[in-house]
Amino acid sequence: NTLKPEDTAIYYCAGDRSRVPNYAPMRLYEYDYWGQ
């Protein structure tokens, strides 16, 4: 919402297989799968 010109980019979805409890990765290298 309330998009700004600085939000202009290609947006990628990513998936991580880890099962660390209560965790959501924020670093690129932690993700195993990527969309186009």
PDB file of all heavy atoms in Angstrom:
ATOM      1  N   ASN A   1       0.836  -1.201   0.000  1.00  0.00           N
ATOM      2  CA  ASN A   1       0.000   0.000   0.000  1.00  0.00           C
ATOM      3  C   ASN A   1       0.873   1.253   0.000  1.00  0.00           C
ATOM      4  O   ASN A   1       2.048   1.207   0.348  1.00  0.00           O
ATOM      5  CB  ASN A   1      -0.911   0.005   1.226  1.00  0.00           C
ATOM      6  CG  ASN A   1      -1.871  -1.161   1.253  1.00  0.00           C
ATOM      7  OD1 ASN A   1      -2.295  -1.662   0.214  1.00  0.00           O
ATOM      8  ND2 ASN A   1      -2.207  -1.614   2.446  1.00  0.00           N
ATOM      9  N   THR A   2       0.258   2.357  -0.373  1.00  0.00           N
ATOM     10  CA  THR A   2       0.940   3.656  -0.384  1.00  0.00           C
ATOM     11  C   THR A   2       2.305   3.535  -1.062  1.00  0.00           C
ATOM     12  O   THR A   2       3.345   3.903  -0.504  1.00  0.00           O
ATOM     13  CB  THR A   2       1.107   4.195   1.051  1.00  0.00           C
ATOM     14  OG1 THR A   2      -0.083   3.967   1.801  1.00  0.00           O
ATOM     15  CG2 THR A   2       1.358   5.704   1.019  1.00  0.00           C
ATOM     16  N   LEU A   3       2.285   3.008  -2.259  1.00  0.00           N
ATOM     17  CA  LEU A   3       3.543   2.780  -2.972  1.00  0.00           C
ATOM     18  C   LEU A   3       4.244   4.095  -3.296  1.00  0.00           C
ATOM     19  O   LEU A   3       3.601   5.124  -3.556  1.00  0.00           O
ATOM     20  CB  LEU A   3       3.286   1.978  -4.245  1.00  0.00           C
ATOM     21  CG  LEU A   3       3.066   0.479  -4.006  1.00  0.00           C
ATOM     22  CD1 LEU A   3       2.354  -0.159  -5.187  1.00  0.00           C
ATOM     23  CD2 LEU A   3       4.387  -0.213  -3.727  1.00  0.00           C
ATOM     24  N   LYS A   4       5.565   4.015  -3.290  1.00  0.00           N
ATOM     25  CA  LYS A   4       6.417   5.168  -3.569  1.00  0.00           C
ATOM     26  C   LYS A   4       7.317   4.857  -4.762  1.00  0.00           C
ATOM     27  O   LYS A   4       7.601   3.689  -5.037  1.00  0.00           O
ATOM     28  CB  LYS A   4       7.292   5.477  -2.353  1.00  0.00           C
ATOM     29  CG  LYS A   4       6.536   5.720  -1.069  1.00  0.00           C
ATOM     30  CD  LYS A   4       7.492   5.904   0.097  1.00  0.00           C
ATOM     31  CE  LYS A   4       6.744   6.143   1.399  1.00  0.00           C
ATOM     32  NZ  LYS A   4       7.677   6.337   2.537  1.00  0.00           N
ATOM     33  N   PRO A   5       7.792   5.878  -5.468  1.00  0.00           N
ATOM     34  CA  PRO A   5       8.698   5.612  -6.600  1.00  0.00           C
ATOM     35  C   PRO A   5       9.914   4.789  -6.198  1.00  0.00           C
ATOM     36  O   PRO A   5      10.392   3.968  -6.996  1.00  0.00           O
ATOM     37  CB  PRO A   5       9.086   7.028  -7.054  1.00  0.00           C
ATOM     38  CG  PRO A   5       7.904   7.870  -6.696  1.00  0.00           C
ATOM     39  CD  PRO A   5       7.402   7.298  -5.401  1.00  0.00           C
ATOM     40  N   GLU A   6      10.386   4.949  -4.983  1.00  0.00           N
ATOM     41  CA  GLU A   6      11.551   4.181  -4.528  1.00  0.00           C
ATOM     42  C   GLU A   6      11.234   2.705  -4.288  1.00  0.00           C
ATOM     43  O   GLU A   6      12.149   1.919  -4.035  1.00  0.00           O
ATOM     44  CB  GLU A   6      12.157   4.796  -3.264  1.00  0.00           C
ATOM     45  CG  GLU A   6      11.168   5.076  -2.160  1.00  0.00           C
ATOM     46  CD  GLU A   6      10.681   6.522  -2.163  1.00  0.00           C
ATOM     47  OE1 GLU A   6      10.379   7.067  -3.255  1.00  0.00           O
ATOM     48  OE2 GLU A   6      10.610   7.100  -1.060  1.00  0.00           O
ATOM     49  N   ASP A   7       9.972   2.322  -4.379  1.00  0.00           N
ATOM     50  CA  ASP A   7       9.609   0.904  -4.304  1.00  0.00           C
ATOM     51  C   ASP A   7       9.770   0.218  -5.654  1.00  0.00           C
ATOM     52  O   ASP A   7       9.614  -1.009  -5.751  1.00  0.00           O
ATOM     53  CB  ASP A   7       8.167   0.742  -3.835  1.00  0.00           C
ATOM     54  CG  ASP A   7       7.954   1.217  -2.416  1.00  0.00           C
ATOM     55  OD1 ASP A   7       8.815   0.948  -1.557  1.00  0.00           O
ATOM     56  OD2 ASP A   7       6.917   1.869  -2.159  1.00  0.00           O
ATOM     57  N   THR A   8      10.062   0.972  -6.692  1.00  0.00           N
ATOM     58  CA  THR A   8      10.245   0.398  -8.023  1.00  0.00           C
ATOM     59  C   THR A   8      11.396  -0.595  -8.020  1.00  0.00           C
ATOM     60  O   THR A   8      12.508  -0.271  -7.613  1.00  0.00           O
ATOM     61  CB  THR A   8      10.514   1.511  -9.044  1.00  0.00           C
ATOM     62  OG1 THR A   8       9.355   2.346  -9.148  1.00  0.00           O
ATOM     63  CG2 THR A   8      10.848   0.931 -10.410  1.00  0.00           C
ATOM     64  N   ALA A   9      11.106  -1.817  -8.451  1.00  0.00           N
ATOM     65  CA  ALA A   9      12.115  -2.879  -8.447  1.00  0.00           C
ATOM     66  C   ALA A   9      11.497  -4.142  -9.037  1.00  0.00           C
ATOM     67  O   ALA A   9      10.292  -4.217  -9.252  1.00  0.00           O
ATOM     68  CB  ALA A   9      12.588  -3.171  -7.019  1.00  0.00           C
ATOM     69  N   ILE A  10      12.361  -5.124  -9.263  1.00  0.00           N
ATOM     70  CA  ILE A  10      11.874  -6.477  -9.517  1.00  0.00           C
ATOM     71  C   ILE A  10      11.740  -7.142  -8.161  1.00  0.00           C
ATOM     72  O   ILE A  10      12.685  -7.137  -7.358  1.00  0.00           O
ATOM     73  CB  ILE A  10      12.841  -7.262 -10.418  1.00  0.00           C
ATOM     74  CG1 ILE A  10      12.968  -6.578 -11.771  1.00  0.00           C
ATOM     75  CG2 ILE A  10      12.345  -8.701 -10.597  1.00  0.00           C
ATOM     76  CD1 ILE A  10      14.012  -7.214 -12.678  1.00  0.00           C
ATOM     77  N   TYR A  11      10.579  -7.725  -7.898  1.00  0.00           N
ATOM     78  CA  TYR A  11      10.309  -8.372  -6.623  1.00  0.00           C
ATOM     79  C   TYR A  11      10.403  -9.884  -6.799  1.00  0.00           C
ATOM     80  O   TYR A  11       9.770 -10.461  -7.696  1.00  0.00           O
ATOM     81  CB  TYR A  11       8.931  -7.979  -6.111  1.00  0.00           C
ATOM     82  CG  TYR A  11       8.926  -6.588  -5.520  1.00  0.00           C
ATOM     83  CD1 TYR A  11       9.035  -5.467  -6.338  1.00  0.00           C
ATOM     84  CD2 TYR A  11       8.829  -6.399  -4.150  1.00  0.00           C
ATOM     85  CE1 TYR A  11       9.061  -4.196  -5.793  1.00  0.00           C
ATOM     86  CE2 TYR A  11       8.835  -5.126  -3.600  1.00  0.00           C
ATOM     87  CZ  TYR A  11       8.958  -4.031  -4.432  1.00  0.00           C
ATOM     88  OH  TYR A  11       8.977  -2.771  -3.891  1.00  0.00           O
ATOM     89  N   TYR A  12      11.174 -10.504  -5.905  1.00  0.00           N
ATOM     90  CA  TYR A  12      11.425 -11.933  -5.952  1.00  0.00           C
ATOM     91  C   TYR A  12      10.852 -12.626  -4.725  1.00  0.00           C
ATOM     92  O   TYR A  12      11.014 -12.145  -3.595  1.00  0.00           O
ATOM     93  CB  TYR A  12      12.918 -12.216  -6.008  1.00  0.00           C
ATOM     94  CG  TYR A  12      13.617 -11.691  -7.241  1.00  0.00           C
ATOM     95  CD1 TYR A  12      14.182 -10.424  -7.256  1.00  0.00           C
ATOM     96  CD2 TYR A  12      13.715 -12.478  -8.388  1.00  0.00           C
ATOM     97  CE1 TYR A  12      14.821  -9.942  -8.384  1.00  0.00           C
ATOM     98  CE2 TYR A  12      14.364 -12.007  -9.516  1.00  0.00           C
ATOM     99  CZ  TYR A  12      14.913 -10.731  -9.513  1.00  0.00           C
ATOM    100  OH  TYR A  12      15.554 -10.267 -10.631  1.00  0.00           O
ATOM    101  N   CYS A  13      10.265 -13.760  -4.973  1.00  0.00           N
ATOM    102  CA  CYS A  13       9.799 -14.627  -3.906  1.00  0.00           C
ATOM    103  C   CYS A  13      10.888 -15.662  -3.624  1.00  0.00           C
ATOM    104  O   CYS A  13      11.575 -16.114  -4.551  1.00  0.00           O
ATOM    105  CB  CYS A  13       8.511 -15.306  -4.370  1.00  0.00           C
ATOM    106  SG  CYS A  13       7.884 -16.596  -3.328  1.00  0.00           S
ATOM    107  N   ALA A  14      11.044 -16.053  -2.366  1.00  0.00           N
ATOM    108  CA  ALA A  14      12.075 -17.023  -2.002  1.00  0.00           C
ATOM    109  C   ALA A  14      11.552 -17.971  -0.938  1.00  0.00           C
ATOM    110  O   ALA A  14      10.686 -17.599  -0.130  1.00  0.00           O
ATOM    111  CB  ALA A  14      13.320 -16.301  -1.498  1.00  0.00           C
ATOM    112  N   GLY A  15      12.100 -19.186  -0.931  1.00  0.00           N
ATOM    113  CA  GLY A  15      11.702 -20.191   0.039  1.00  0.00           C
ATOM    114  C   GLY A  15      12.901 -20.796   0.749  1.00  0.00           C
ATOM    115  O   GLY A  15      13.953 -21.006   0.145  1.00  0.00           O
ATOM    116  N   ASP A  16      12.735 -21.078   2.044  1.00  0.00           N
ATOM    117  CA  ASP A  16      13.795 -21.629   2.894  1.00  0.00           C
ATOM    118  C   ASP A  16      13.310 -22.898   3.561  1.00  0.00           C
ATOM    119  O   ASP A  16      12.221 -22.917   4.138  1.00  0.00           O
ATOM    120  CB  ASP A  16      14.180 -20.579   3.931  1.00  0.00           C
ATOM    121  CG  ASP A  16      14.897 -21.175   5.118  1.00  0.00           C
ATOM    122  OD1 ASP A  16      15.918 -21.857   4.915  1.00  0.00           O
ATOM    123  OD2 ASP A  16      14.408 -20.993   6.254  1.00  0.00           O
ATOM    124  N   ARG A  17      14.122 -23.950   3.526  1.00  0.00           N
ATOM    125  CA  ARG A  17      13.714 -25.253   4.033  1.00  0.00           C
ATOM    126  C   ARG A  17      13.907 -25.435   5.537  1.00  0.00           C
ATOM    127  O   ARG A  17      13.450 -26.429   6.099  1.00  0.00           O
ATOM    128  CB  ARG A  17      14.526 -26.355   3.341  1.00  0.00           C
ATOM    129  CG  ARG A  17      14.285 -26.501   1.870  1.00  0.00           C
ATOM    130  CD  ARG A  17      15.243 -27.497   1.273  1.00  0.00           C
ATOM    131  NE  ARG A  17      16.630 -27.041   1.425  1.00  0.00           N
ATOM    132  CZ  ARG A  17      17.646 -27.597   0.807  1.00  0.00           C
ATOM    133  NH1 ARG A  17      17.442 -28.629  -0.001  1.00  0.00           N
ATOM    134  NH2 ARG A  17      18.877 -27.144   0.974  1.00  0.00           N
ATOM    135  N   SER A  18      14.569 -24.497   6.182  1.00  0.00           N
ATOM    136  CA  SER A  18      14.961 -24.752   7.566  1.00  0.00           C
ATOM    137  C   SER A  18      13.752 -24.920   8.483  1.00  0.00           C
ATOM    138  O   SER A  18      12.671 -24.388   8.202  1.00  0.00           O
ATOM    139  CB  SER A  18      15.857 -23.629   8.088  1.00  0.00           C
ATOM    140  OG  SER A  18      15.105 -22.449   8.281  1.00  0.00           O
ATOM    141  N   ARG A  19      13.946 -25.647   9.573  1.00  0.00           N
ATOM    142  CA  ARG A  19      12.894 -25.915  10.548  1.00  0.00           C
ATOM    143  C   ARG A  19      13.234 -25.317  11.908  1.00  0.00           C
ATOM    144  O   ARG A  19      12.733 -25.780  12.934  1.00  0.00           O
ATOM    145  CB  ARG A  19      12.687 -27.411  10.682  1.00  0.00           C
ATOM    146  CG  ARG A  19      11.843 -27.996   9.583  1.00  0.00           C
ATOM    147  CD  ARG A  19      10.425 -27.465   9.679  1.00  0.00           C
ATOM    148  NE  ARG A  19       9.583 -27.922   8.598  1.00  0.00           N
ATOM    149  CZ  ARG A  19       9.455 -27.278   7.460  1.00  0.00           C
ATOM    150  NH1 ARG A  19      10.097 -26.150   7.251  1.00  0.00           N
ATOM    151  NH2 ARG A  19       8.662 -27.748   6.526  1.00  0.00           N
ATOM    152  N   VAL A  20      14.041 -24.277  11.896  1.00  0.00           N
ATOM    153  CA  VAL A  20      14.321 -23.577  13.137  1.00  0.00           C
ATOM    154  C   VAL A  20      13.011 -22.993  13.655  1.00  0.00           C
ATOM    155  O   VAL A  20      12.322 -22.291  12.929  1.00  0.00           O
ATOM    156  CB  VAL A  20      15.344 -22.444  12.927  1.00  0.00           C
ATOM    157  CG1 VAL A  20      15.558 -21.670  14.221  1.00  0.00           C
ATOM    158  CG2 VAL A  20      16.652 -23.007  12.399  1.00  0.00           C
ATOM    159  N   PRO A  21      12.636 -23.284  14.906  1.00  0.00           N
ATOM    160  CA  PRO A  21      11.351 -22.791  15.427  1.00  0.00           C
ATOM    161  C   PRO A  21      11.285 -21.275  15.487  1.00  0.00           C
ATOM    162  O   PRO A  21      12.276 -20.606  15.767  1.00  0.00           O
ATOM    163  CB  PRO A  21      11.291 -23.386  16.834  1.00  0.00           C
ATOM    164  CG  PRO A  21      12.237 -24.525  16.818  1.00  0.00           C
ATOM    165  CD  PRO A  21      13.332 -24.135  15.852  1.00  0.00           C
ATOM    166  N   ASN A  22      10.103 -20.742  15.191  1.00  0.00           N
ATOM    167  CA  ASN A  22       9.855 -19.318  15.350  1.00  0.00           C
ATOM    168  C   ASN A  22      10.900 -18.481  14.619  1.00  0.00           C
ATOM    169  O   ASN A  22      11.487 -17.554  15.189  1.00  0.00           O
ATOM    170  CB  ASN A  22       9.837 -18.951  16.840  1.00  0.00           C
ATOM    171  CG  ASN A  22       9.157 -17.634  17.085  1.00  0.00           C
ATOM    172  OD1 ASN A  22       8.194 -17.278  16.408  1.00  0.00           O
ATOM    173  ND2 ASN A  22       9.657 -16.883  18.053  1.00  0.00           N
ATOM    174  N   TYR A  23      11.101 -18.779  13.349  1.00  0.00           N
ATOM    175  CA  TYR A  23      12.184 -18.136  12.598  1.00  0.00           C
ATOM    176  C   TYR A  23      11.723 -17.825  11.192  1.00  0.00           C
ATOM    177  O   TYR A  23      11.045 -18.635  10.555  1.00  0.00           O
ATOM    178  CB  TYR A  23      13.395 -19.072  12.560  1.00  0.00           C
ATOM    179  CG  TYR A  23      14.624 -18.469  11.932  1.00  0.00           C
ATOM    180  CD1 TYR A  23      15.254 -17.377  12.510  1.00  0.00           C
ATOM    181  CD2 TYR A  23      15.173 -18.993  10.766  1.00  0.00           C
ATOM    182  CE1 TYR A  23      16.384 -16.825  11.941  1.00  0.00           C
ATOM    183  CE2 TYR A  23      16.303 -18.447  10.191  1.00  0.00           C
ATOM    184  CZ  TYR A  23      16.905 -17.369  10.792  1.00  0.00           C
ATOM    185  OH  TYR A  23      18.034 -16.835  10.229  1.00  0.00           O
ATOM    186  N   ALA A  24      12.082 -16.638  10.703  1.00  0.00           N
ATOM    187  CA  ALA A  24      11.806 -16.247   9.327  1.00  0.00           C
ATOM    188  C   ALA A  24      13.052 -15.527   8.811  1.00  0.00           C
ATOM    189  O   ALA A  24      13.362 -14.421   9.257  1.00  0.00           O
ATOM    190  CB  ALA A  24      10.584 -15.336   9.254  1.00  0.00           C
ATOM    191  N   PRO A  25      13.790 -16.142   7.891  1.00  0.00           N
ATOM    192  CA  PRO A  25      15.081 -15.598   7.458  1.00  0.00           C
ATOM    193  C   PRO A  25      14.968 -14.238   6.780  1.00  0.00           C
ATOM    194  O   PRO A  25      13.996 -13.954   6.078  1.00  0.00           O
ATOM    195  CB  PRO A  25      15.596 -16.639   6.469  1.00  0.00           C
ATOM    196  CG  PRO A  25      14.809 -17.863   6.737  1.00  0.00           C
ATOM    197  CD  PRO A  25      13.484 -17.408   7.239  1.00  0.00           C
ATOM    198  N   MET A  26      15.990 -13.414   6.962  1.00  0.00           N
ATOM    199  CA  MET A  26      16.028 -12.098   6.337  1.00  0.00           C
ATOM    200  C   MET A  26      17.241 -11.898   5.443  1.00  0.00           C
ATOM    201  O   MET A  26      17.416 -10.822   4.870  1.00  0.00           O
ATOM    202  CB  MET A  26      16.014 -11.022   7.432  1.00  0.00           C
ATOM    203  CG  MET A  26      14.711 -10.969   8.203  1.00  0.00           C
ATOM    204  SD  MET A  26      14.661  -9.630   9.409  1.00  0.00           S
ATOM    205  CE  MET A  26      15.633 -10.340  10.720  1.00  0.00           C
ATOM    206  N   ARG A  27      18.060 -12.949   5.279  1.00  0.00           N
ATOM    207  CA  ARG A  27      19.278 -12.814   4.483  1.00  0.00           C
ATOM    208  C   ARG A  27      19.215 -13.678   3.248  1.00  0.00           C
ATOM    209  O   ARG A  27      18.730 -14.814   3.293  1.00  0.00           O
ATOM    210  CB  ARG A  27      20.489 -13.180   5.339  1.00  0.00           C
ATOM    211  CG  ARG A  27      20.752 -12.136   6.419  1.00  0.00           C
ATOM    212  CD  ARG A  27      21.682 -12.622   7.482  1.00  0.00           C
ATOM    213  NE  ARG A  27      21.011 -13.561   8.372  1.00  0.00           N
ATOM    214  CZ  ARG A  27      21.453 -13.888   9.569  1.00  0.00           C
ATOM    215  NH1 ARG A  27      22.574 -13.348  10.017  1.00  0.00           N
ATOM    216  NH2 ARG A  27      20.797 -14.750  10.306  1.00  0.00           N
ATOM    217  N   LEU A  28      19.720 -13.191   2.138  1.00  0.00           N
ATOM    218  CA  LEU A  28      19.628 -13.893   0.860  1.00  0.00           C
ATOM    219  C   LEU A  28      20.175 -15.306   0.946  1.00  0.00           C
ATOM    220  O   LEU A  28      19.549 -16.249   0.440  1.00  0.00           O
ATOM    221  CB  LEU A  28      20.413 -13.125  -0.228  1.00  0.00           C
ATOM    222  CG  LEU A  28      19.686 -12.070  -1.030  1.00  0.00           C
ATOM    223  CD1 LEU A  28      19.473 -10.829  -0.192  1.00  0.00           C
ATOM    224  CD2 LEU A  28      20.484 -11.734  -2.282  1.00  0.00           C
ATOM    225  N   TYR A  29      21.317 -15.479   1.590  1.00  0.00           N
ATOM    226  CA  TYR A  29      21.995 -16.772   1.542  1.00  0.00           C
ATOM    227  C   TYR A  29      21.250 -17.850   2.328  1.00  0.00           C
ATOM    228  O   TYR A  29      21.558 -19.035   2.220  1.00  0.00           O
ATOM    229  CB  TYR A  29      23.433 -16.640   2.043  1.00  0.00           C
ATOM    230  CG  TYR A  29      23.578 -16.302   3.509  1.00  0.00           C
ATOM    231  CD1 TYR A  29      23.508 -17.302   4.480  1.00  0.00           C
ATOM    232  CD2 TYR A  29      23.818 -14.997   3.934  1.00  0.00           C
ATOM    233  CE1 TYR A  29      23.645 -17.001   5.817  1.00  0.00           C
ATOM    234  CE2 TYR A  29      23.962 -14.687   5.265  1.00  0.00           C
ATOM    235  CZ  TYR A  29      23.876 -15.693   6.214  1.00  0.00           C
ATOM    236  OH  TYR A  29      24.010 -15.395   7.534  1.00  0.00           O
ATOM    237  N   GLU A  30      20.261 -17.442   3.111  1.00  0.00           N
ATOM    238  CA  GLU A  30      19.500 -18.422   3.880  1.00  0.00           C
ATOM    239  C   GLU A  30      18.403 -19.096   3.062  1.00  0.00           C
ATOM    240  O   GLU A  30      17.803 -20.059   3.507  1.00  0.00           O
ATOM    241  CB  GLU A  30      18.871 -17.743   5.094  1.00  0.00           C
ATOM    242  CG  GLU A  30      19.900 -17.227   6.096  1.00  0.00           C
ATOM    243  CD  GLU A  30      19.250 -16.635   7.320  1.00  0.00           C
ATOM    244  OE1 GLU A  30      18.846 -15.435   7.255  1.00  0.00           O
ATOM    245  OE2 GLU A  30      19.135 -17.321   8.334  1.00  0.00           O
ATOM    246  N   TYR A  31      18.153 -18.576   1.869  1.00  0.00           N
ATOM    247  CA  TYR A  31      17.056 -19.099   1.060  1.00  0.00           C
ATOM    248  C   TYR A  31      17.562 -20.100   0.022  1.00  0.00           C
ATOM    249  O   TYR A  31      18.606 -19.924  -0.586  1.00  0.00           O
ATOM    250  CB  TYR A  31      16.304 -17.946   0.389  1.00  0.00           C
ATOM    251  CG  TYR A  31      15.397 -17.249   1.363  1.00  0.00           C
ATOM    252  CD1 TYR A  31      15.864 -16.201   2.156  1.00  0.00           C
ATOM    253  CD2 TYR A  31      14.074 -17.658   1.531  1.00  0.00           C
ATOM    254  CE1 TYR A  31      15.037 -15.587   3.087  1.00  0.00           C
ATOM    255  CE2 TYR A  31      13.247 -17.039   2.454  1.00  0.00           C
ATOM    256  CZ  TYR A  31      13.741 -16.008   3.229  1.00  0.00           C
ATOM    257  OH  TYR A  31      12.915 -15.410   4.147  1.00  0.00           O
ATOM    258  N   ASP A  32      16.769 -21.153  -0.161  1.00  0.00           N
ATOM    259  CA  ASP A  32      17.149 -22.250  -1.039  1.00  0.00           C
ATOM    260  C   ASP A  32      16.506 -22.167  -2.417  1.00  0.00           C
ATOM    261  O   ASP A  32      17.026 -22.743  -3.378  1.00  0.00           O
ATOM    262  CB  ASP A  32      16.739 -23.575  -0.395  1.00  0.00           C
ATOM    263  CG  ASP A  32      17.315 -23.734   1.000  1.00  0.00           C
ATOM    264  OD1 ASP A  32      18.555 -23.832   1.107  1.00  0.00           O
ATOM    265  OD2 ASP A  32      16.537 -23.741   1.970  1.00  0.00           O
ATOM    266  N   TYR A  33      15.368 -21.512  -2.508  1.00  0.00           N
ATOM    267  CA  TYR A  33      14.610 -21.486  -3.758  1.00  0.00           C
ATOM    268  C   TYR A  33      14.219 -20.049  -4.087  1.00  0.00           C
ATOM    269  O   TYR A  33      13.868 -19.276  -3.188  1.00  0.00           O
ATOM    270  CB  TYR A  33      13.335 -22.332  -3.638  1.00  0.00           C
ATOM    271  CG  TYR A  33      13.571 -23.727  -3.132  1.00  0.00           C
ATOM    272  CD1 TYR A  33      13.303 -24.058  -1.806  1.00  0.00           C
ATOM    273  CD2 TYR A  33      14.069 -24.717  -3.972  1.00  0.00           C
ATOM    274  CE1 TYR A  33      13.526 -25.331  -1.333  1.00  0.00           C
ATOM    275  CE2 TYR A  33      14.288 -25.998  -3.510  1.00  0.00           C
ATOM    276  CZ  TYR A  33      14.018 -26.307  -2.186  1.00  0.00           C
ATOM    277  OH  TYR A  33      14.241 -27.567  -1.716  1.00  0.00           O
ATOM    278  N   TRP A  34      14.216 -19.753  -5.390  1.00  0.00           N
ATOM    279  CA  TRP A  34      13.886 -18.403  -5.859  1.00  0.00           C
ATOM    280  C   TRP A  34      12.978 -18.451  -7.063  1.00  0.00           C
ATOM    281  O   TRP A  34      13.090 -19.349  -7.905  1.00  0.00           O
ATOM    282  CB  TRP A  34      15.170 -17.652  -6.234  1.00  0.00           C
ATOM    283  CG  TRP A  34      16.032 -17.333  -5.065  1.00  0.00           C
ATOM    284  CD1 TRP A  34      16.980 -18.149  -4.504  1.00  0.00           C
ATOM    285  CD2 TRP A  34      16.005 -16.147  -4.281  1.00  0.00           C
ATOM    286  NE1 TRP A  34      17.546 -17.523  -3.417  1.00  0.00           N
ATOM    287  CE2 TRP A  34      16.977 -16.290  -3.264  1.00  0.00           C
ATOM    288  CE3 TRP A  34      15.273 -14.958  -4.338  1.00  0.00           C
ATOM    289  CZ2 TRP A  34      17.220 -15.292  -2.319  1.00  0.00           C
ATOM    290  CZ3 TRP A  34      15.516 -13.979  -3.401  1.00  0.00           C
ATOM    291  CH2 TRP A  34      16.478 -14.147  -2.405  1.00  0.00           C
ATOM    292  N   GLY A  35      12.072 -17.464  -7.127  1.00  0.00           N
ATOM    293  CA  GLY A  35      11.273 -17.290  -8.325  1.00  0.00           C
ATOM    294  C   GLY A  35      12.005 -16.422  -9.331  1.00  0.00           C
ATOM    295  O   GLY A  35      13.125 -15.958  -9.083  1.00  0.00           O
ATOM    296  N   GLN A  36      11.353 -16.189 -10.476  1.00  0.00           N
ATOM    297  CA  GLN A  36      11.964 -15.411 -11.551  1.00  0.00           C
ATOM    298  C   GLN A  36      11.745 -13.915 -11.383  1.00  0.00           C
ATOM    299  O   GLN A  36      12.400 -13.115 -12.059  1.00  0.00           O
ATOM    300  CB  GLN A  36      11.398 -15.855 -12.899  1.00  0.00           C
ATOM    301  CG  GLN A  36      11.805 -17.283 -13.264  1.00  0.00           C
ATOM    302  CD  GLN A  36      13.306 -17.429 -13.350  1.00  0.00           C
ATOM    303  OE1 GLN A  36      13.976 -16.704 -14.061  1.00  0.00           O
ATOM    304  NE2 GLN A  36      13.860 -18.364 -12.577  1.00  0.00           N
TER     305      GLN A  36
END
